[in-house]
Amino acid sequence: MLKIIENGTAAVIGQDDYCIDEKDTGLDLLTFSLPRGHPFFGRIREETEIDEEQPYVVKQVTSDEQNMDVTCELDVDDWKADILEHVILHDNTMHQMIEFCLPSGWTYQDETTGNNGVDELLNDGGTRLEILTATKDIWNITFRFDAKNKVLHIIDPTAGNPCGAYLTRELNLRSVNYTGSTDKFCTRLYCYGKGGMTFEDANGGKAYIENHTYSNKIISARYSNADANTSEKLLKAGQKELAKLCCPQASYECDVIDLSKALDVENGNKYDFMKFELFSIVTLLDVDHHTRINHRIAEYKRYPNFPQKNSVTLSTVPAQIQDDIHKAQSNADEAQITAGDAKSTADATQVETTKLADEMENKVSKGNFSTLLRQSTTDILMAFNSTMGNSGIDFSSAGIDFSANGSAIGNLSTNYDGTNGYIDLAANGLRSILSLSSDKASIRLYGTTFDDFNIQLDGSTRVAGNLMVSTPRGNNPDGLIMAGEIQTSTINYSNLIVSGNPGQSGTVNVAHPFDSSKTRQLHFAGGAYIGTTDI
């Protein structure tokens, strides 16, 4: 649920179609659009605070004649509040470096499995966020920010095994865009540290290192790291760098239906085996190229209310997974085995695929009701209100609110006194509490008290169906209903019909319209009005 924070007060924006772009840097983005005419169209500006489970800050607003597009970034302003000058940390552990960067009030959780050694950090200075970012390459880590609870999560982005989820066109993969490049590809790396230092004494007399995971070709490149002041540190840094360069830089951008979220609405955790998140290793079944390769999710664009619109960006998992790439592309026999395995997996899941596809069609695509069912009562009310638009009808926990020209005019709600149930009407002002109409009749209630009350029944085909009764208004009384008699100041005698047997006569006494000391007597014969006498 999107909320705008103004002067410390939160207000629901009323837009459920928004995207959270989870980045491997930890600096997630929140994007949404509002149509012109939306109540918050002109109130959202740069640096406005937005809340959606985590706090965000508006960084960019663009608008045209129809829509306003808003881009927000996770609120990590605590990490930008001051500058740390000339950071020099010698022989520090990873935890010591992180603790040095932490803003006041923040804590951290180490979710890695190693990094117990010591290293150093030399930096000219910057914000705490910039210094923290500098530690990523030193320790091969990344971060997730829980800005709401002020907790920094330390993540090893290369750790873990395939999570069991797989992506295939027959099941949950709508489209795939592949990007591969060998612009920086090399298998041999010559490394130079501070002052041109090399590492022969720590590398068996060789000034270079090699990695032939992907190819047996010898392709050389240079690498410089002025922060490495010992041969051991230079060797370690060079090995990390070569691991990135020794195979093509490959990535896939995939539009993926997140089945675990889109279908588990009515099936519990039946599809938990297809669950994935940022940094998860998923298996991509590429039937076109007859390969099955594990990839890590490097970016995850998710729509909390519409998971069928989710998309992920995959990057090839380094090290052990690169061996699989090499086998798939360089060894024909192994590639054929992989192809057969991929095809077998696809065939084995075909029945389940058809079933899931039917469920997606029936439960997700048609009106997004599966999404609605997963929402809280408050979210459902917001969804209805958003759908109603400017109709003047809003649903709330108290009932149904009515408005006109932007002003509240009344409320419809239910009540129970322990014995009977009631439909209660409340109105602002003196008119238009309720109007129910059809071709044959209408019921209109005017006013807010029984002293100012009007009932009108209209019949479209029979004059006898017309009945109008009005109560006194100020000093100009129109009439009054009382038991046993009718009093009125205005009457159309020619249209007054009194039923009776043929030849039957009678009189009706009514208040005199001009002289309160007299009574006006209406004479009827045979059921018809024949004259008037004042007595």
Protein backbone atom coordinates (compact mmCIF):
# COMPACT_ATOMS: atom_id res chain seq x y z
CA MET A 1 0.00 0.00 0.00
CA LEU A 2 1.47 3.31 -1.11
CA LYS A 3 1.33 6.19 1.35
CA ILE A 4 2.56 9.78 1.17
CA ILE A 5 4.11 11.23 4.34
CA GLU A 6 3.39 14.92 4.87
CA ASN A 7 4.35 16.68 8.11
CA GLY A 8 4.67 13.31 9.81
CA THR A 9 1.17 12.20 8.78
CA ALA A 10 0.55 9.31 6.37
CA ALA A 11 -2.17 9.39 3.70
CA VAL A 12 -3.06 6.52 1.37
CA ILE A 13 -2.32 7.42 -2.26
CA GLY A 14 -4.80 4.89 -3.70
CA GLN A 15 -2.60 3.40 -6.44
CA ASP A 16 -1.98 -0.36 -6.32
CA ASP A 17 -0.18 -0.76 -9.67
CA TYR A 18 3.40 0.01 -8.67
CA CYS A 19 6.78 -1.69 -9.08
CA ILE A 20 9.63 -2.30 -6.65
CA ASP A 21 12.94 -2.76 -8.47
CA GLU A 22 15.25 -4.73 -6.17
CA LYS A 23 18.89 -3.95 -7.04
CA ASP A 24 21.99 -5.95 -6.13
CA THR A 25 23.43 -2.67 -4.79
CA GLY A 26 20.72 -2.59 -2.13
CA LEU A 27 19.43 0.78 -3.38
CA ASP A 28 15.97 -0.36 -4.49
CA LEU A 29 13.69 1.80 -6.63
CA LEU A 30 9.93 2.30 -6.37
CA THR A 31 8.05 3.50 -9.47
CA PHE A 32 4.40 4.31 -10.11
CA SER A 33 2.18 6.57 -12.22
CA LEU A 34 -0.84 8.73 -11.41
CA PRO A 35 -3.42 10.03 -13.91
CA ARG A 36 -4.06 13.73 -14.19
CA GLY A 37 -6.92 14.59 -11.87
CA HIS A 38 -5.77 12.22 -9.14
CA PRO A 39 -5.96 13.95 -5.71
CA PHE A 40 -2.18 13.58 -5.23
CA PHE A 41 -1.18 14.57 -8.77
CA GLY A 42 0.21 17.96 -7.75
CA ARG A 43 1.27 17.06 -4.21
CA ILE A 44 4.09 14.63 -5.02
CA ARG A 45 7.38 16.41 -5.68
CA GLU A 46 11.10 15.65 -5.48
CA GLU A 47 12.19 14.53 -1.98
CA THR A 48 8.59 13.77 -0.95
CA GLU A 49 8.51 10.82 1.46
CA ILE A 50 6.68 7.70 0.25
CA ASP A 51 6.03 4.59 2.36
CA GLU A 52 5.52 1.01 1.13
CA GLU A 53 6.68 -1.31 3.95
CA GLN A 54 10.02 0.50 3.56
CA PRO A 55 10.54 4.29 3.42
CA TYR A 56 11.36 5.83 0.03
CA VAL A 57 12.20 9.32 -1.20
CA VAL A 58 10.99 10.73 -4.52
CA LYS A 59 13.98 11.35 -6.80
CA GLN A 60 12.35 12.06 -10.16
CA VAL A 61 8.96 13.29 -11.35
CA THR A 62 7.93 13.60 -15.00
CA SER A 63 4.46 14.48 -16.25
CA ASP A 64 2.55 15.14 -19.45
CA GLU A 65 -1.08 15.86 -20.29
CA GLN A 66 -2.28 12.45 -19.11
CA ASN A 67 0.04 11.01 -16.45
CA MET A 68 2.69 11.73 -13.85
CA ASP A 69 5.53 9.17 -13.52
CA VAL A 70 7.28 8.98 -10.15
CA THR A 71 10.62 7.31 -9.34
CA CYS A 72 11.62 6.85 -5.69
CA GLU A 73 14.77 5.47 -4.07
CA LEU A 74 15.05 3.61 -0.79
CA ASP A 75 15.59 6.18 1.96
CA VAL A 76 19.21 5.72 3.08
CA ASP A 77 19.79 9.41 3.82
CA ASP A 78 21.27 8.42 7.20
CA TRP A 79 24.24 7.09 5.21
CA LYS A 80 24.66 10.44 3.42
CA ALA A 81 24.37 12.80 6.38
CA ASP A 82 28.11 13.41 6.91
CA ILE A 83 31.52 13.02 5.28
CA LEU A 84 34.32 10.75 6.49
CA GLU A 85 37.70 12.24 5.54
CA HIS A 86 40.83 10.23 4.66
CA VAL A 87 39.73 6.77 5.75
CA ILE A 88 42.75 4.59 6.59
CA LEU A 89 41.98 1.17 8.10
CA HIS A 90 44.94 -1.23 8.44
CA ASP A 91 44.57 -4.94 9.22
CA ASN A 92 40.86 -4.71 10.01
CA THR A 93 38.25 -7.42 9.84
CA MET A 94 35.18 -7.02 7.68
CA HIS A 95 33.08 -6.40 10.79
CA GLN A 96 35.39 -3.63 11.97
CA MET A 97 35.15 -1.90 8.61
CA ILE A 98 31.34 -2.16 8.58
CA GLU A 99 31.08 -0.88 12.15
CA PHE A 100 33.26 2.09 11.18
CA CYS A 101 30.74 3.01 8.45
CA LEU A 102 27.52 2.52 10.42
CA PRO A 103 25.46 5.69 11.09
CA SER A 104 24.14 6.27 14.59
CA GLY A 105 21.16 4.04 15.39
CA TRP A 106 21.98 1.40 12.77
CA THR A 107 23.00 -2.22 13.34
CA TYR A 108 24.11 -4.95 10.95
CA GLN A 109 23.57 -8.67 10.36
CA ASP A 110 26.30 -10.75 8.72
CA GLU A 111 24.65 -13.32 6.45
CA THR A 112 27.89 -14.50 4.84
CA THR A 113 29.69 -17.74 5.73
CA GLY A 114 33.30 -16.58 5.70
CA ASN A 115 35.33 -13.36 5.49
CA ASN A 116 37.13 -13.98 8.79
CA GLY A 117 40.50 -12.60 7.67
CA VAL A 118 41.87 -9.07 7.85
CA ASP A 119 42.42 -6.48 5.14
CA GLU A 120 42.80 -2.73 4.78
CA LEU A 121 40.77 0.14 3.43
CA LEU A 122 42.43 3.26 2.05
CA ASN A 123 40.06 5.98 0.86
CA ASP A 124 40.32 9.75 0.34
CA GLY A 125 36.91 10.19 1.95
CA GLY A 126 33.24 10.42 1.21
CA THR A 127 29.81 9.73 2.70
CA ARG A 128 29.30 6.65 4.83
CA LEU A 129 27.46 5.09 1.88
CA GLU A 130 30.46 5.69 -0.42
CA ILE A 131 32.89 4.22 2.11
CA LEU A 132 30.59 1.24 2.63
CA THR A 133 30.46 0.69 -1.13
CA ALA A 134 34.28 0.62 -1.22
CA THR A 135 34.26 -2.43 1.07
CA LYS A 136 32.26 -4.47 -1.45
CA ASP A 137 35.21 -5.22 -3.71
CA ILE A 138 37.56 -5.87 -0.78
CA TRP A 139 35.37 -8.59 0.72
CA ASN A 140 33.31 -9.59 -2.35
CA ILE A 141 30.06 -8.75 -0.59
CA THR A 142 26.94 -6.68 -1.19
CA PHE A 143 24.21 -5.23 1.01
CA ARG A 144 20.48 -5.06 1.61
CA PHE A 145 19.16 -2.07 3.58
CA ASP A 146 16.25 -2.47 5.99
CA ALA A 147 15.72 1.28 6.26
CA LYS A 148 12.55 0.90 8.33
CA ASN A 149 14.31 -1.00 11.15
CA LYS A 150 17.78 0.50 10.45
CA VAL A 151 19.47 -2.86 9.85
CA LEU A 152 22.22 -3.46 7.27
CA HIS A 153 22.26 -7.02 5.90
CA ILE A 154 25.65 -8.21 4.63
CA ILE A 155 25.23 -10.63 1.70
CA ASP A 156 27.63 -12.89 -0.19
CA PRO A 157 26.13 -12.61 -3.71
CA THR A 158 28.05 -15.66 -4.97
CA ALA A 159 27.04 -18.07 -2.22
CA GLY A 160 24.34 -20.70 -2.36
CA ASN A 161 23.10 -23.47 -4.60
CA PRO A 162 20.27 -23.63 -7.15
CA CYS A 163 17.01 -22.98 -5.30
CA GLY A 164 15.01 -25.49 -7.35
CA ALA A 165 13.03 -22.96 -9.37
CA TYR A 166 13.31 -23.20 -13.13
CA LEU A 167 12.32 -20.94 -16.00
CA THR A 168 10.96 -22.26 -19.27
CA ARG A 169 8.80 -20.88 -22.05
CA GLU A 170 6.29 -23.70 -21.59
CA LEU A 171 5.66 -22.77 -17.97
CA ASN A 172 6.45 -19.33 -16.61
CA LEU A 173 8.73 -17.53 -19.06
CA ARG A 174 6.97 -14.98 -21.25
CA SER A 175 10.01 -13.52 -23.01
CA VAL A 176 13.81 -13.62 -22.88
CA ASN A 177 16.37 -11.04 -23.99
CA TYR A 178 19.96 -12.29 -24.05
CA THR A 179 23.09 -10.12 -23.92
CA GLY A 180 26.57 -11.60 -24.23
CA SER A 181 29.90 -9.84 -24.65
CA THR A 182 33.63 -10.68 -24.71
CA ASP A 183 34.88 -7.09 -24.83
CA LYS A 184 36.97 -7.59 -21.66
CA PHE A 185 37.51 -11.32 -22.06
CA CYS A 186 40.97 -12.67 -21.14
CA THR A 187 42.53 -15.84 -19.74
CA ARG A 188 45.91 -14.46 -18.59
CA LEU A 189 46.23 -11.39 -16.35
CA TYR A 190 49.40 -9.39 -15.56
CA CYS A 191 48.93 -7.55 -12.27
CA TYR A 192 50.59 -4.38 -10.90
CA GLY A 193 50.19 -2.95 -7.39
CA LYS A 194 51.27 0.21 -5.60
CA GLY A 195 54.31 1.79 -7.26
CA GLY A 196 54.27 -0.81 -10.08
CA MET A 197 54.87 -3.71 -7.69
CA THR A 198 54.33 -7.27 -9.03
CA PHE A 199 53.74 -10.57 -7.21
CA GLU A 200 56.35 -13.03 -8.55
CA ASP A 201 57.53 -13.84 -5.02
CA ALA A 202 54.03 -14.96 -4.04
CA ASN A 203 53.16 -16.65 -7.35
CA GLY A 204 55.98 -19.12 -8.07
CA GLY A 205 58.08 -16.59 -9.96
CA LYS A 206 55.39 -15.73 -12.52
CA ALA A 207 54.18 -12.15 -13.05
CA TYR A 208 50.80 -13.33 -14.35
CA ILE A 209 47.94 -15.63 -13.39
CA GLU A 210 45.73 -17.75 -15.66
CA ASN A 211 42.16 -19.04 -15.67
CA HIS A 212 41.04 -21.34 -18.50
CA THR A 213 37.60 -22.16 -17.17
CA TYR A 214 35.92 -21.10 -20.41
CA SER A 215 38.63 -21.34 -23.07
CA ASN A 216 42.11 -22.81 -23.51
CA LYS A 217 43.17 -19.80 -25.60
CA ILE A 218 45.81 -17.46 -24.20
CA ILE A 219 44.45 -13.92 -24.20
CA SER A 220 46.37 -11.46 -22.02
CA ALA A 221 45.37 -8.25 -20.25
CA ARG A 222 46.76 -5.82 -17.63
CA TYR A 223 45.32 -5.06 -14.19
CA SER A 224 46.42 -2.28 -11.83
CA ASN A 225 45.46 -1.86 -8.17
CA ALA A 226 47.21 1.01 -6.38
CA ASP A 227 45.63 -0.03 -3.07
CA ALA A 228 47.52 -3.35 -3.07
CA ASN A 229 50.79 -2.69 -1.21
CA THR A 230 51.92 -6.31 -0.74
CA SER A 231 52.37 -9.11 -3.26
CA GLU A 232 49.91 -11.32 -1.38
CA LYS A 233 47.16 -8.69 -1.54
CA LEU A 234 47.88 -8.03 -5.21
CA LEU A 235 47.67 -11.76 -6.01
CA LYS A 236 44.36 -12.10 -4.17
CA ALA A 237 42.88 -9.03 -5.91
CA GLY A 238 44.11 -10.25 -9.31
CA GLN A 239 42.49 -13.65 -8.88
CA LYS A 240 39.15 -12.01 -8.09
CA GLU A 241 39.44 -9.81 -11.17
CA LEU A 242 40.38 -12.65 -13.50
CA ALA A 243 37.42 -14.72 -12.28
CA LYS A 244 35.19 -11.98 -13.73
CA LEU A 245 37.07 -11.69 -17.03
CA CYS A 246 37.81 -15.32 -17.95
CA CYS A 247 34.39 -16.02 -19.44
CA PRO A 248 31.96 -13.95 -21.55
CA GLN A 249 29.81 -11.49 -19.69
CA ALA A 250 26.36 -12.98 -20.20
CA SER A 251 22.99 -11.88 -18.90
CA TYR A 252 19.32 -12.60 -19.56
CA GLU A 253 16.43 -10.23 -18.96
CA CYS A 254 13.30 -12.32 -18.49
CA ASP A 255 9.62 -11.55 -18.09
CA VAL A 256 8.64 -14.19 -15.56
CA ILE A 257 5.34 -15.17 -14.00
CA ASP A 258 6.10 -15.63 -10.31
CA LEU A 259 3.99 -18.76 -9.82
CA SER A 260 4.69 -19.05 -6.09
CA LYS A 261 3.00 -15.66 -5.53
CA ALA A 262 0.43 -15.65 -8.35
CA LEU A 263 -1.04 -19.10 -7.70
CA ASP A 264 -0.52 -19.79 -4.02
CA VAL A 265 -3.50 -17.60 -3.16
CA GLU A 266 -5.84 -20.59 -3.09
CA ASN A 267 -3.31 -23.42 -2.94
CA GLY A 268 -1.35 -22.70 0.24
CA ASN A 269 2.33 -23.34 -0.38
CA LYS A 270 1.76 -25.81 -3.22
CA TYR A 271 4.13 -23.90 -5.53
CA ASP A 272 6.83 -23.05 -3.01
CA PHE A 273 9.29 -25.09 -5.10
CA MET A 274 9.05 -22.32 -7.72
CA LYS A 275 9.83 -19.54 -5.21
CA PHE A 276 12.76 -17.23 -5.90
CA GLU A 277 14.09 -13.85 -4.81
CA LEU A 278 17.01 -11.52 -5.42
CA PHE A 279 20.34 -13.45 -5.55
CA SER A 280 18.55 -16.82 -5.91
CA ILE A 281 20.13 -19.25 -8.37
CA VAL A 282 17.47 -20.43 -10.83
CA THR A 283 17.72 -22.91 -13.70
CA LEU A 284 17.01 -21.57 -17.18
CA LEU A 285 15.86 -24.25 -19.66
CA ASP A 286 16.84 -22.87 -23.05
CA VAL A 287 15.24 -25.30 -25.46
CA ASP A 288 16.30 -23.14 -28.44
CA HIS A 289 19.99 -23.72 -27.65
CA HIS A 290 19.50 -27.12 -26.00
CA THR A 291 21.05 -26.02 -22.73
CA ARG A 292 20.17 -25.94 -19.07
CA ILE A 293 22.26 -23.35 -17.24
CA ASN A 294 22.05 -21.98 -13.72
CA HIS A 295 21.83 -18.21 -13.41
CA ARG A 296 21.69 -15.87 -10.46
CA ILE A 297 18.94 -13.23 -10.16
CA ALA A 298 20.83 -9.93 -10.27
CA GLU A 299 17.76 -7.70 -10.43
CA TYR A 300 14.13 -8.41 -9.55
CA LYS A 301 11.30 -6.12 -10.64
CA ARG A 302 8.25 -7.14 -8.69
CA TYR A 303 4.69 -5.83 -8.60
CA PRO A 304 3.33 -6.59 -5.09
CA ASN A 305 -0.29 -6.54 -6.27
CA PHE A 306 0.22 -7.97 -9.77
CA PRO A 307 2.92 -10.72 -9.59
CA GLN A 308 2.07 -11.85 -13.11
CA LYS A 309 3.91 -8.70 -14.30
CA ASN A 310 7.19 -9.50 -12.50
CA SER A 311 10.50 -9.66 -14.38
CA VAL A 312 14.04 -10.66 -13.48
CA THR A 313 17.51 -10.01 -14.84
CA LEU A 314 19.78 -13.05 -14.70
CA SER A 315 23.57 -13.04 -14.71
CA THR A 316 25.68 -16.13 -15.16
CA VAL A 317 26.90 -17.51 -11.84
CA PRO A 318 30.72 -17.42 -11.81
CA ALA A 319 33.26 -20.12 -10.93
CA GLN A 320 31.60 -23.54 -10.74
CA ILE A 321 28.75 -22.54 -13.07
CA GLN A 322 31.17 -21.34 -15.71
CA ASP A 323 32.32 -24.95 -15.98
CA ASP A 324 28.79 -25.84 -17.06
CA ILE A 325 28.89 -23.10 -19.73
CA HIS A 326 32.18 -24.42 -21.02
CA LYS A 327 30.82 -27.94 -21.24
CA ALA A 328 27.63 -26.80 -22.95
CA GLN A 329 29.42 -24.74 -25.60
CA SER A 330 32.79 -26.47 -26.13
CA ASN A 331 32.01 -30.19 -25.85
CA ALA A 332 29.49 -31.52 -28.35
CA ASP A 333 28.80 -34.76 -26.51
CA GLU A 334 28.27 -33.03 -23.18
CA ALA A 335 26.07 -30.42 -24.87
CA GLN A 336 23.93 -33.21 -26.31
CA ILE A 337 23.52 -34.75 -22.86
CA THR A 338 22.58 -31.37 -21.45
CA ALA A 339 20.12 -30.87 -24.30
CA GLY A 340 18.52 -34.24 -23.66
CA ASP A 341 18.32 -33.52 -19.96
CA ALA A 342 16.68 -30.17 -20.61
CA LYS A 343 14.19 -31.70 -23.01
CA SER A 344 13.38 -34.50 -20.58
CA THR A 345 12.79 -31.99 -17.83
CA ALA A 346 10.50 -29.98 -20.09
CA ASP A 347 8.58 -33.09 -21.17
CA ALA A 348 8.20 -34.30 -17.59
CA THR A 349 6.67 -30.98 -16.55
CA GLN A 350 4.37 -30.64 -19.56
CA VAL A 351 1.27 -31.93 -17.73
CA GLU A 352 1.94 -29.69 -14.75
CA THR A 353 2.70 -26.83 -17.14
CA THR A 354 -0.71 -27.11 -18.80
CA LYS A 355 -2.41 -27.21 -15.43
CA LEU A 356 -0.54 -24.16 -14.18
CA ALA A 357 -1.21 -22.28 -17.40
CA ASP A 358 -4.95 -22.94 -17.01
CA GLU A 359 -4.81 -21.72 -13.42
CA MET A 360 -2.99 -18.56 -14.50
CA GLU A 361 -5.60 -17.91 -17.19
CA ASN A 362 -8.56 -18.50 -14.91
CA LYS A 363 -7.31 -17.00 -11.65
CA VAL A 364 -4.84 -14.28 -12.52
CA SER A 365 -5.55 -12.89 -15.96
CA LYS A 366 -9.29 -12.41 -15.51
CA GLY A 367 -9.69 -9.21 -13.57
CA ASN A 368 -6.75 -9.89 -11.24
CA PHE A 369 -9.12 -11.30 -8.62
CA SER A 370 -6.48 -13.65 -7.21
CA THR A 371 -4.45 -10.58 -6.36
CA LEU A 372 -7.48 -8.94 -4.77
CA LEU A 373 -8.18 -11.99 -2.62
CA ARG A 374 -4.68 -11.83 -1.17
CA GLN A 375 -5.09 -8.26 -0.03
CA SER A 376 -6.16 -7.08 3.39
CA THR A 377 -9.63 -5.62 3.96
CA THR A 378 -8.16 -2.12 3.82
CA ASP A 379 -6.42 -2.87 0.51
CA ILE A 380 -9.64 -4.25 -1.00
CA LEU A 381 -11.51 -1.08 -0.05
CA MET A 382 -8.74 0.96 -1.67
CA ALA A 383 -8.95 -1.16 -4.81
CA PHE A 384 -12.71 -0.60 -5.07
CA ASN A 385 -12.31 3.12 -4.46
CA SER A 386 -9.61 3.33 -7.15
CA THR A 387 -11.90 1.47 -9.56
CA MET A 388 -14.84 3.79 -8.82
CA GLY A 389 -12.70 6.81 -9.78
CA ASN A 390 -14.64 10.08 -9.58
CA SER A 391 -18.08 8.48 -9.25
CA GLY A 392 -18.67 10.03 -5.82
CA ILE A 393 -18.95 6.65 -4.11
CA ASP A 394 -16.24 5.44 -1.71
CA PHE A 395 -16.14 2.28 0.38
CA SER A 396 -14.86 2.44 3.95
CA SER A 397 -14.90 0.21 7.01
CA ALA A 398 -17.89 2.26 8.26
CA GLY A 399 -19.99 1.68 5.15
CA ILE A 400 -20.47 3.60 1.89
CA ASP A 401 -19.61 7.30 1.68
CA PHE A 402 -21.27 9.58 -0.88
CA SER A 403 -19.90 12.85 -2.22
CA ALA A 404 -20.77 15.47 -4.83
CA ASN A 405 -18.51 18.12 -6.32
CA GLY A 406 -15.78 17.03 -3.94
CA SER A 407 -17.89 17.46 -0.77
CA ALA A 408 -19.28 14.71 1.46
CA ILE A 409 -23.09 14.50 1.35
CA GLY A 410 -23.89 11.37 3.35
CA ASN A 411 -23.16 7.82 4.48
CA LEU A 412 -24.96 4.46 4.24
CA SER A 413 -24.20 1.87 6.93
CA THR A 414 -25.71 -1.09 8.75
CA ASN A 415 -26.51 -1.41 12.43
CA TYR A 416 -27.82 -4.04 14.86
CA ASP A 417 -29.40 -3.38 18.25
CA GLY A 418 -29.25 -6.98 19.45
CA THR A 419 -32.73 -7.80 18.15
CA ASN A 420 -33.27 -6.03 14.85
CA GLY A 421 -31.04 -5.05 11.96
CA TYR A 422 -31.18 -1.59 10.38
CA ILE A 423 -29.90 0.24 7.33
CA ASP A 424 -28.91 3.68 8.59
CA LEU A 425 -28.74 6.81 6.47
CA ALA A 426 -26.89 9.93 7.48
CA ALA A 427 -26.76 13.15 5.49
CA ASN A 428 -24.82 16.41 5.48
CA GLY A 429 -27.14 19.34 4.78
CA LEU A 430 -30.93 19.36 4.39
CA ARG A 431 -31.57 17.50 1.15
CA SER A 432 -30.98 14.29 -0.80
CA ILE A 433 -30.65 11.62 1.84
CA LEU A 434 -31.87 8.88 -0.50
CA SER A 435 -33.43 8.58 -3.95
CA LEU A 436 -34.58 5.23 -5.33
CA SER A 437 -36.41 5.30 -8.67
CA SER A 438 -37.80 3.09 -11.42
CA ASP A 439 -40.16 3.46 -14.35
CA LYS A 440 -43.11 3.02 -12.03
CA ALA A 441 -42.23 4.68 -8.75
CA SER A 442 -39.67 6.62 -6.80
CA ILE A 443 -39.03 7.17 -3.12
CA ARG A 444 -37.38 10.39 -2.08
CA LEU A 445 -36.47 11.40 1.44
CA TYR A 446 -35.55 15.03 2.06
CA GLY A 447 -34.14 16.55 5.18
CA THR A 448 -32.29 15.40 8.25
CA THR A 449 -35.01 15.41 10.94
CA PHE A 450 -38.62 14.22 11.19
CA ASP A 451 -39.64 17.86 11.50
CA ASP A 452 -38.46 18.43 7.93
CA PHE A 453 -39.50 15.29 6.10
CA ASN A 454 -40.95 14.61 2.66
CA ILE A 455 -42.16 11.39 1.03
CA GLN A 456 -43.13 11.37 -2.63
CA LEU A 457 -44.53 8.37 -4.50
CA ASP A 458 -44.76 8.83 -8.27
CA GLY A 459 -46.76 6.56 -10.56
CA SER A 460 -46.23 6.88 -14.25
CA THR A 461 -49.50 5.39 -15.52
CA ARG A 462 -52.27 6.02 -12.98
CA VAL A 463 -53.26 9.37 -11.51
CA ALA A 464 -54.48 7.52 -8.46
CA GLY A 465 -50.88 6.54 -7.80
CA ASN A 466 -49.87 10.12 -7.01
CA LEU A 467 -49.49 10.95 -3.35
CA MET A 468 -47.57 13.93 -2.03
CA VAL A 469 -47.40 14.88 1.63
CA SER A 470 -45.27 17.74 2.94
CA THR A 471 -44.64 18.96 6.47
CA PRO A 472 -44.49 22.57 7.65
CA ARG A 473 -41.47 24.63 6.63
CA GLY A 474 -41.05 27.82 8.71
CA ASN A 475 -43.95 30.28 8.47
CA ASN A 476 -45.33 28.91 5.20
CA PRO A 477 -46.99 25.58 6.13
CA ASP A 478 -47.76 23.28 3.22
CA GLY A 479 -49.73 20.67 5.18
CA LEU A 480 -49.69 17.92 7.74
CA ILE A 481 -50.69 14.27 7.95
CA MET A 482 -52.64 13.48 11.10
CA ALA A 483 -54.57 10.40 12.17
CA GLY A 484 -58.19 10.59 11.00
CA GLU A 485 -57.98 13.76 8.91
CA ILE A 486 -56.13 15.56 6.11
CA GLN A 487 -55.20 19.23 6.47
CA THR A 488 -53.81 21.15 3.54
CA SER A 489 -53.37 24.72 2.31
CA THR A 490 -53.09 23.88 -1.38
CA ILE A 491 -55.22 21.37 -3.28
CA ASN A 492 -56.16 20.83 -6.91
CA TYR A 493 -59.83 20.07 -6.41
CA SER A 494 -60.49 19.17 -10.04
CA ASN A 495 -58.01 16.27 -9.86
CA LEU A 496 -59.14 15.05 -6.44
CA ILE A 497 -60.93 11.70 -6.88
CA VAL A 498 -62.85 10.14 -3.99
CA SER A 499 -63.89 6.56 -4.65
CA GLY A 500 -67.49 5.61 -3.87
CA ASN A 501 -70.55 3.82 -5.19
CA PRO A 502 -72.49 5.47 -7.99
CA GLY A 503 -74.65 8.21 -6.56
CA GLN A 504 -72.86 8.29 -3.20
CA SER A 505 -72.33 11.79 -1.80
CA GLY A 506 -70.08 13.17 0.91
CA THR A 507 -67.96 16.05 2.14
CA VAL A 508 -64.30 16.54 3.07
CA ASN A 509 -63.37 19.32 5.52
CA VAL A 510 -59.97 20.96 4.97
CA ALA A 511 -58.24 24.03 6.45
CA HIS A 512 -59.26 27.29 4.82
CA PRO A 513 -56.31 28.60 2.73
CA PHE A 514 -56.91 32.29 3.59
CA ASP A 515 -59.04 32.54 6.75
CA SER A 516 -58.00 30.46 9.76
CA SER A 517 -61.36 31.07 11.45
CA LYS A 518 -63.20 29.20 8.73
CA THR A 519 -63.22 25.66 7.35
CA ARG A 520 -63.48 24.85 3.68
CA GLN A 521 -65.93 22.03 2.95
CA LEU A 522 -65.48 20.01 -0.28
CA HIS A 523 -68.64 18.38 -1.71
CA PHE A 524 -68.60 15.11 -3.70
CA ALA A 525 -71.34 13.25 -5.52
CA GLY A 526 -70.88 9.86 -7.14
CA GLY A 527 -67.25 9.95 -6.15
CA ALA A 528 -66.59 13.22 -8.01
CA TYR A 529 -65.95 16.76 -6.73
CA ILE A 530 -68.94 19.09 -7.35
CA GLY A 531 -68.27 22.24 -5.30
CA THR A 532 -66.94 24.08 -2.23
CA THR A 533 -68.57 25.79 0.79
CA ASP A 534 -66.78 27.87 3.45
CA ILE A 535 -68.26 27.43 6.91
